[in-house]
C-alpha atoms as a PDB file:
ATOM      1  CA  MET A   1      81.126  56.893  33.055  1.00  0.00           C
ATOM      2  CA  PRO A   2      79.679  59.343  35.575  1.00  0.00           C
ATOM      3  CA  SER A   3      76.067  58.386  34.664  1.00  0.00           C
ATOM      4  CA  ASN A   4      76.802  54.882  35.983  1.00  0.00           C
ATOM      5  CA  CYS A   5      77.659  56.375  39.413  1.00  0.00           C
ATOM      6  CA  SER A   6      75.089  57.322  42.058  1.00  0.00           C
ATOM      7  CA  ALA A   7      74.966  58.769  45.534  1.00  0.00           C
ATOM      8  CA  ASP A   8      72.900  58.011  48.604  1.00  0.00           C
ATOM      9  CA  GLY A   9      72.467  59.311  52.158  1.00  0.00           C
ATOM     10  CA  ALA A  10      70.672  61.757  54.298  1.00  0.00           C
ATOM     11  CA  GLY A  11      73.092  64.616  53.512  1.00  0.00           C
ATOM     12  CA  LEU A  12      71.744  64.684  49.896  1.00  0.00           C
ATOM     13  CA  VAL A  13      68.324  65.834  51.363  1.00  0.00           C
ATOM     14  CA  SER A  14      68.743  67.804  54.517  1.00  0.00           C
ATOM     15  CA  ALA A  15      71.295  69.067  57.079  1.00  0.00           C
ATOM     16  CA  VAL A  16      71.359  71.097  60.236  1.00  0.00           C
ATOM     17  CA  ALA A  17      73.583  74.289  60.295  1.00  0.00           C
ATOM     18  CA  GLY A  18      76.851  73.637  62.211  1.00  0.00           C
ATOM     19  CA  GLU A  19      76.414  69.843  62.290  1.00  0.00           C
ATOM     20  CA  PRO A  20      78.201  67.334  59.940  1.00  0.00           C
ATOM     21  CA  ALA A  21      76.127  65.943  57.151  1.00  0.00           C
ATOM     22  CA  HIS A  22      77.048  62.772  55.273  1.00  0.00           C
ATOM     23  CA  PHE A  23      76.396  60.887  52.003  1.00  0.00           C
ATOM     24  CA  THR A  24      78.110  58.307  49.908  1.00  0.00           C
ATOM     25  CA  ILE A  25      79.079  58.240  46.197  1.00  0.00           C
ATOM     26  CA  LEU A  26      78.888  54.754  44.704  1.00  0.00           C
ATOM     27  CA  LYS A  27      81.332  54.260  41.708  1.00  0.00           C
ATOM     28  CA  LYS A  28      80.143  51.586  39.269  1.00  0.00           C
ATOM     29  CA  ASP A  29      81.256  50.291  35.875  1.00  0.00           C
ATOM     30  CA  ARG A  30      79.253  50.036  32.622  1.00  0.00           C
ATOM     31  CA  SER A  31      77.527  46.760  33.942  1.00  0.00           C
ATOM     32  CA  GLY A  32      76.457  48.406  37.191  1.00  0.00           C
ATOM     33  CA  GLN A  33      79.057  46.569  39.332  1.00  0.00           C
ATOM     34  CA  PRO A  34      81.186  48.352  41.983  1.00  0.00           C
ATOM     35  CA  ARG A  35      84.304  49.596  40.466  1.00  0.00           C
ATOM     36  CA  THR A  36      87.120  49.085  42.938  1.00  0.00           C
ATOM     37  CA  ARG A  37      90.094  49.670  40.579  1.00  0.00           C
ATOM     38  CA  GLY A  38      91.518  52.812  39.175  1.00  0.00           C
ATOM     39  CA  VAL A  39      91.714  56.286  40.593  1.00  0.00           C
ATOM     40  CA  ASP A  40      88.743  58.591  40.092  1.00  0.00           C
ATOM     41  CA  HIS A  41      88.298  62.193  41.257  1.00  0.00           C
ATOM     42  CA  PHE A  42      84.740  63.337  42.259  1.00  0.00           C
ATOM     43  CA  TYR A  43      83.711  66.868  42.900  1.00  0.00           C
ATOM     44  CA  ALA A  44      80.818  68.415  44.930  1.00  0.00           C
ATOM     45  CA  ASP A  45      79.911  71.903  44.320  1.00  0.00           C
ATOM     46  CA  VAL A  46      77.212  73.840  46.128  1.00  0.00           C
ATOM     47  CA  ARG A  47      74.939  76.690  45.054  1.00  0.00           C
ATOM     48  CA  GLY A  48      72.797  78.535  47.619  1.00  0.00           C
ATOM     49  CA  PRO A  49      72.824  81.189  50.358  1.00  0.00           C
ATOM     50  CA  GLY A  50      76.181  79.970  51.786  1.00  0.00           C
ATOM     51  CA  ARG A  51      79.282  77.936  50.696  1.00  0.00           C
ATOM     52  CA  TRP A  52      80.788  74.900  52.154  1.00  0.00           C
ATOM     53  CA  ASP A  53      83.629  72.492  51.333  1.00  0.00           C
ATOM     54  CA  CYS A  54      83.029  68.769  50.894  1.00  0.00           C
ATOM     55  CA  GLU A  55      85.513  66.331  52.287  1.00  0.00           C
ATOM     56  CA  ILE A  56      85.574  63.327  49.946  1.00  0.00           C
ATOM     57  CA  VAL A  57      87.265  60.133  51.006  1.00  0.00           C
ATOM     58  CA  ASP A  58      88.000  57.106  48.797  1.00  0.00           C
ATOM     59  CA  GLU A  59      87.088  54.039  50.762  1.00  0.00           C
ATOM     60  CA  ARG A  60      88.792  51.714  48.322  1.00  0.00           C
ATOM     61  CA  ASP A  61      85.771  49.516  47.860  1.00  0.00           C
ATOM     62  CA  GLY A  62      83.957  51.391  45.044  1.00  0.00           C
ATOM     63  CA  SER A  63      82.522  53.983  47.457  1.00  0.00           C
ATOM     64  CA  TYR A  64      83.419  57.490  48.457  1.00  0.00           C
ATOM     65  CA  SER A  65      82.355  59.041  51.835  1.00  0.00           C
ATOM     66  CA  VAL A  66      81.443  62.712  51.719  1.00  0.00           C
ATOM     67  CA  THR A  67      81.108  64.979  54.757  1.00  0.00           C
ATOM     68  CA  TYR A  68      80.246  68.739  54.858  1.00  0.00           C
ATOM     69  CA  VAL A  69      79.185  71.240  57.409  1.00  0.00           C
ATOM     70  CA  ALA A  70      76.811  73.982  56.280  1.00  0.00           C
ATOM     71  CA  LYS A  71      76.461  77.194  58.340  1.00  0.00           C
ATOM     72  CA  ALA A  72      73.833  79.249  56.569  1.00  0.00           C
ATOM     73  CA  ALA A  73      70.303  77.910  56.640  1.00  0.00           C
ATOM     74  CA  GLY A  74      68.331  77.776  53.388  1.00  0.00           C
ATOM     75  CA  SER A  75      67.743  75.874  50.166  1.00  0.00           C
ATOM     76  CA  TYR A  76      70.797  74.617  48.178  1.00  0.00           C
ATOM     77  CA  GLN A  77      71.622  72.729  44.972  1.00  0.00           C
ATOM     78  CA  LEU A  78      74.571  70.358  45.177  1.00  0.00           C
ATOM     79  CA  ASP A  79      76.297  69.277  41.992  1.00  0.00           C
ATOM     80  CA  VAL A  80      78.209  65.986  42.306  1.00  0.00           C
ATOM     81  CA  GLY A  81      80.237  64.771  39.351  1.00  0.00           C
ATOM     82  CA  LEU A  82      83.357  63.003  38.049  1.00  0.00           C
ATOM     83  CA  ALA A  83      86.312  65.402  37.439  1.00  0.00           C
ATOM     84  CA  PRO A  84      87.595  66.976  35.561  1.00  0.00           C
ATOM     85  CA  MET A  85      85.287  66.976  32.503  1.00  0.00           C
ATOM     86  CA  ASN A  86      83.336  63.783  32.683  1.00  0.00           C
ATOM     87  CA  GLY A  87      80.100  65.395  34.061  1.00  0.00           C
ATOM     88  CA  PRO A  88      77.532  64.777  36.726  1.00  0.00           C
ATOM     89  CA  ILE A  89      76.586  61.519  38.336  1.00  0.00           C
ATOM     90  CA  ALA A  90      73.058  60.169  38.147  1.00  0.00           C
ATOM     91  CA  GLY A  91      70.533  62.318  40.062  1.00  0.00           C
ATOM     92  CA  SER A  92      72.740  65.377  40.237  1.00  0.00           C
ATOM     93  CA  PRO A  93      72.066  68.175  41.093  1.00  0.00           C
ATOM     94  CA  PHE A  94      70.578  67.320  44.489  1.00  0.00           C
ATOM     95  CA  SER A  95      68.236  69.723  46.370  1.00  0.00           C
ATOM     96  CA  ILE A  96      69.270  70.106  50.054  1.00  0.00           C
ATOM     97  CA  THR A  97      67.520  71.984  52.828  1.00  0.00           C
ATOM     98  CA  VAL A  98      69.646  73.267  55.688  1.00  0.00           C
ATOM     99  CA  ALA A  99      67.729  73.983  58.883  1.00  0.00           C
ATOM    100  CA  PRO A 100      68.835  76.387  61.600  1.00  0.00           C
ATOM    101  CA  GLY A 101      70.744  74.925  64.482  1.00  0.00           C
ATOM    102  CA  LYS A 102      69.710  74.894  68.133  1.00  0.00           C
ATOM    103  CA  PRO A 103      69.058  78.296  69.523  1.00  0.00           C
ATOM    104  CA  HIS A 104      72.180  79.739  71.148  1.00  0.00           C
ATOM    105  CA  ALA A 105      72.156  82.259  74.013  1.00  0.00           C
ATOM    106  CA  ALA A 106      75.103  84.414  72.944  1.00  0.00           C
ATOM    107  CA  ALA A 107      73.616  84.935  69.448  1.00  0.00           C
ATOM    108  CA  SER A 108      70.040  85.550  70.676  1.00  0.00           C
ATOM    109  CA  GLY A 109      68.626  88.681  72.314  1.00  0.00           C
ATOM    110  CA  PRO A 110      65.932  91.285  72.413  1.00  0.00           C
ATOM    111  CA  ALA A 111      64.450  92.402  69.109  1.00  0.00           C
ATOM    112  CA  GLU A 112      64.934  95.995  70.454  1.00  0.00           C
ATOM    113  CA  GLN A 113      66.885  97.375  73.346  1.00  0.00           C
ATOM    114  CA  PRO A 114      64.814  97.174  76.523  1.00  0.00           C
ATOM    115  CA  PRO A 115      63.618 100.600  77.787  1.00  0.00           C
ATOM    116  CA  ALA A 116      66.020 102.102  80.255  1.00  0.00           C
ATOM    117  CA  VAL A 117      63.107 103.768  82.188  1.00  0.00           C
ATOM    118  CA  VAL A 118      59.589 102.563  82.950  1.00  0.00           C
ATOM    119  CA  ARG A 119      56.947 103.751  85.399  1.00  0.00           C
ATOM    120  CA  ALA A 120      55.893 101.713  88.322  1.00  0.00           C
ATOM    121  CA  GLY A 121      52.639  99.838  87.603  1.00  0.00           C
ATOM    122  CA  ALA A 122      53.380  99.868  83.836  1.00  0.00           C
ATOM    123  CA  PRO A 123      54.281  96.543  82.152  1.00  0.00           C
ATOM    124  CA  LEU A 124      57.833  96.176  80.816  1.00  0.00           C
ATOM    125  CA  LYS A 125      57.548  94.084  77.607  1.00  0.00           C
ATOM    126  CA  VAL A 126      60.462  92.586  75.644  1.00  0.00           C
ATOM    127  CA  ALA A 127      60.357  90.381  72.458  1.00  0.00           C
ATOM    128  CA  VAL A 128      63.234  87.881  72.216  1.00  0.00           C
ATOM    129  CA  LEU A 129      64.781  86.801  68.816  1.00  0.00           C
ATOM    130  CA  LEU A 130      66.312  83.362  68.937  1.00  0.00           C
ATOM    131  CA  ARG A 131      69.283  82.617  66.638  1.00  0.00           C
ATOM    132  CA  ASP A 132      71.674  79.684  66.386  1.00  0.00           C
ATOM    133  CA  ARG A 133      75.413  80.125  66.852  1.00  0.00           C
ATOM    134  CA  HIS A 134      75.776  81.011  63.113  1.00  0.00           C
ATOM    135  CA  GLY A 135      73.242  83.791  63.226  1.00  0.00           C
ATOM    136  CA  ASN A 136      70.343  81.854  61.557  1.00  0.00           C
ATOM    137  CA  ASP A 137      66.846  82.769  62.682  1.00  0.00           C
ATOM    138  CA  ALA A 138      65.957  79.795  65.129  1.00  0.00           C
ATOM    139  CA  THR A 139      62.671  81.129  66.269  1.00  0.00           C
ATOM    140  CA  THR A 140      60.515  78.442  64.616  1.00  0.00           C
ATOM    141  CA  THR A 141      62.785  75.496  64.995  1.00  0.00           C
ATOM    142  CA  THR A 142      64.192  73.263  67.708  1.00  0.00           C
ATOM    143  CA  GLY A 143      67.296  72.837  65.459  1.00  0.00           C
ATOM    144  CA  GLY A 144      68.097  69.320  66.470  1.00  0.00           C
ATOM    145  CA  GLY A 145      68.457  70.298  70.211  1.00  0.00           C
ATOM    146  CA  GLY A 146      65.002  70.370  71.772  1.00  0.00           C
ATOM    147  CA  ALA A 147      62.658  73.275  72.747  1.00  0.00           C
ATOM    148  CA  ALA A 148      64.303  76.541  73.823  1.00  0.00           C
ATOM    149  CA  VAL A 149      63.699  77.625  77.415  1.00  0.00           C
ATOM    150  CA  VAL A 150      63.532  81.379  77.731  1.00  0.00           C
ATOM    151  CA  ALA A 151      63.223  83.095  81.163  1.00  0.00           C
ATOM    152  CA  GLY A 152      63.302  86.627  82.464  1.00  0.00           C
ATOM    153  CA  THR A 153      63.728  88.257  85.926  1.00  0.00           C
ATOM    154  CA  LEU A 154      63.679  91.809  87.220  1.00  0.00           C
ATOM    155  CA  SER A 155      65.767  92.204  90.324  1.00  0.00           C
ATOM    156  CA  GLY A 156      66.035  95.259  92.598  1.00  0.00           C
ATOM    157  CA  ALA A 157      66.076  96.494  96.090  1.00  0.00           C
ATOM    158  CA  VAL A 158      62.662  94.928  96.804  1.00  0.00           C
ATOM    159  CA  GLY A 159      63.536  91.458  95.492  1.00  0.00           C
ATOM    160  CA  THR A 160      63.120  89.608  92.247  1.00  0.00           C
ATOM    161  CA  LEU A 161      60.126  89.526  89.950  1.00  0.00           C
ATOM    162  CA  ARG A 162      59.739  86.650  87.492  1.00  0.00           C
ATOM    163  CA  ALA A 163      58.580  87.662  84.008  1.00  0.00           C
ATOM    164  CA  ASP A 164      55.623  86.061  82.354  1.00  0.00           C
ATOM    165  CA  VAL A 165      56.839  84.342  79.156  1.00  0.00           C
ATOM    166  CA  LYS A 166      54.497  83.729  76.255  1.00  0.00           C
ATOM    167  CA  VAL A 167      55.322  81.726  73.226  1.00  0.00           C
ATOM    168  CA  GLY A 168      53.497  82.614  70.016  1.00  0.00           C
ATOM    169  CA  LYS A 169      52.286  80.233  67.224  1.00  0.00           C
ATOM    170  CA  ASP A 170      55.378  81.196  65.242  1.00  0.00           C
ATOM    171  CA  GLY A 171      57.665  80.220  68.189  1.00  0.00           C
ATOM    172  CA  GLY A 172      58.408  83.888  69.139  1.00  0.00           C
ATOM    173  CA  HIS A 173      58.957  84.684  72.842  1.00  0.00           C
ATOM    174  CA  ALA A 174      57.423  87.727  74.594  1.00  0.00           C
ATOM    175  CA  LEU A 175      58.381  88.665  78.111  1.00  0.00           C
ATOM    176  CA  SER A 176      56.334  90.906  80.405  1.00  0.00           C
ATOM    177  CA  VAL A 177      57.020  91.983  84.039  1.00  0.00           C
ATOM    178  CA  THR A 178      55.236  94.783  85.984  1.00  0.00           C
ATOM    179  CA  PRO A 179      57.264  96.561  88.768  1.00  0.00           C
ATOM    180  CA  THR A 180      55.246  98.396  91.389  1.00  0.00           C
ATOM    181  CA  VAL A 181      58.028 100.022  93.390  1.00  0.00           C
ATOM    182  CA  ALA A 182      60.367 102.709  92.091  1.00  0.00           C
ATOM    183  CA  GLY A 183      64.042 102.101  92.132  1.00  0.00           C
ATOM    184  CA  GLU A 184      67.108 100.685  90.101  1.00  0.00           C
ATOM    185  CA  TYR A 185      66.662  97.211  88.684  1.00  0.00           C
ATOM    186  CA  GLN A 186      68.478  94.607  86.591  1.00  0.00           C
ATOM    187  CA  LEU A 187      66.557  92.768  83.817  1.00  0.00           C
ATOM    188  CA  ALA A 188      68.042  89.309  83.162  1.00  0.00           C
ATOM    189  CA  ILE A 189      66.980  87.356  80.070  1.00  0.00           C
ATOM    190  CA  THR A 190      68.277  83.774  79.825  1.00  0.00           C
ATOM    191  CA  LEU A 191      68.079  81.004  77.297  1.00  0.00           C
ATOM    192  CA  GLY A 192      68.667  77.570  78.720  1.00  0.00           C
ATOM    193  CA  GLY A 193      69.970  79.200  81.875  1.00  0.00           C
ATOM    194  CA  ALA A 194      72.627  81.300  80.020  1.00  0.00           C
ATOM    195  CA  HIS A 195      72.321  85.082  79.527  1.00  0.00           C
ATOM    196  CA  VAL A 196      71.373  86.223  76.046  1.00  0.00           C
ATOM    197  CA  ARG A 197      73.364  88.956  74.260  1.00  0.00           C
ATOM    198  CA  GLY A 198      73.556  92.095  76.379  1.00  0.00           C
ATOM    199  CA  SER A 199      71.957  90.549  79.428  1.00  0.00           C
ATOM    200  CA  PRO A 200      71.511  91.818  82.131  1.00  0.00           C
ATOM    201  CA  PHE A 201      69.924  95.172  81.250  1.00  0.00           C
ATOM    202  CA  ALA A 202      69.858  98.154  83.636  1.00  0.00           C
ATOM    203  CA  VAL A 203      66.338  99.480  84.139  1.00  0.00           C
ATOM    204  CA  ARG A 204      65.153 102.410  86.259  1.00  0.00           C
ATOM    205  CA  VAL A 205      61.590 102.237  87.562  1.00  0.00           C
ATOM    206  CA  ALA A 206      60.210 105.752  88.048  1.00  0.00           C
ATOM    207  CA  ALA A 207      57.390 106.612  90.476  1.00  0.00           C
ATOM    208  CA  ALA A 208      53.862 106.157  89.059  1.00  0.00           C
ATOM    209  CA  ARG A 209      51.949 109.210  87.933  1.00  0.00           C
ATOM    210  CA  PRO A 210      49.677 110.771  90.637  1.00  0.00           C
ATOM    211  CA  HIS A 211      46.374 109.037  90.932  1.00  0.00           C
ATOM    212  CA  ALA A 212      43.391 110.758  92.508  1.00  0.00           C
ATOM    213  CA  ALA A 213      42.027 107.529  94.179  1.00  0.00           C
ATOM    214  CA  ALA A 214      45.341 107.127  96.011  1.00  0.00           C
ATOM    215  CA  PHE A 215      44.944 110.436  97.827  1.00  0.00           C
ATOM    216  CA  ALA A 216      42.769 111.348 100.925  1.00  0.00           C
ATOM    217  CA  LEU A 217      42.283 114.275 103.299  1.00  0.00           C
ATOM    218  CA  SER A 218      44.470 114.161 106.380  1.00  0.00           C
ATOM    219  CA  GLY A 219      41.353 114.759 108.415  1.00  0.00           C
ATOM    220  CA  THR A 220      37.794 115.975 108.147  1.00  0.00           C
ATOM    221  CA  PRO A 221      36.937 119.080 110.081  1.00  0.00           C
ATOM    222  CA  PRO A 222      33.888 118.877 112.351  1.00  0.00           C
ATOM    223  CA  ARG A 223      32.409 121.697 110.500  1.00  0.00           C
ATOM    224  CA  TRP A 224      33.277 123.077 107.107  1.00  0.00           C
ATOM    225  CA  PRO A 225      33.838 126.880 107.145  1.00  0.00           C
ATOM    226  CA  THR A 226      31.833 129.280 105.084  1.00  0.00           C
ATOM    227  CA  LEU A 227      34.129 131.373 102.884  1.00  0.00           C
ATOM    228  CA  GLU A 228      33.698 134.368 100.701  1.00  0.00           C
ATOM    229  CA  ALA A 229      34.298 133.935  96.947  1.00  0.00           C
ATOM    230  CA  GLY A 230      38.067 134.280  96.315  1.00  0.00           C
ATOM    231  CA  ALA A 231      39.074 133.349  99.863  1.00  0.00           C
ATOM    232  CA  PRO A 232      41.800 130.618 100.089  1.00  0.00           C
ATOM    233  CA  LEU A 233      40.950 127.232 101.553  1.00  0.00           C
ATOM    234  CA  SER A 234      43.907 125.131 102.761  1.00  0.00           C
ATOM    235  CA  LEU A 235      43.616 121.313 102.827  1.00  0.00           C
ATOM    236  CA  GLN A 236      46.246 118.647 103.556  1.00  0.00           C
ATOM    237  CA  LEU A 237      46.268 115.519 101.386  1.00  0.00           C
ATOM    238  CA  ILE A 238      48.069 112.256 102.203  1.00  0.00           C
ATOM    239  CA  ALA A 239      48.898 109.536  99.705  1.00  0.00           C
END
């Protein structure tokens, strides 16, 4: 009877997107002893934000090894039972939480397209969204692969500026870099040393707006002339 059967293993509780998860079905007779004779067919059906197929292998010792690979992160219910009409095993359905995988450079990128033009002296800010290779939001998780290392550089004719990277409490990454010289630049954003989606980005740094404190008279006359109202006075300013 299916109610005499049970299942055990980490794959009945949690999994990481893109990584194999495992559990074991234990087939028992009415007295609770392993049932090694006879051919039985078990099923494992999933309900949740994604679908996956379970590979079930009869180990010929009263146990069945089950392997699956989930791709969509989220909460699932897994129904395990004896086919075709005998019903669920003890403990079924099982609640499983699938966590996002390790952040993946090719799937990650800016939350918005970086600006194509900024002014010299103004900070260029970019928020980076981290996703695993299956598109799951991996911002708040290390996904079984350690902390993500996000870096940014702005390179142009005057050299390379390294962006300041701040990590928020939610794991989000914010890049900021302030160019001071006008010109054409390339903004590179990397994750673990690999370019994120769309990187590098072309950025043009325009000249800063005129600023009074940056200008001065080219010279001071020994004596300021006395002019009639309405008469022009010519002065030369240098930046």
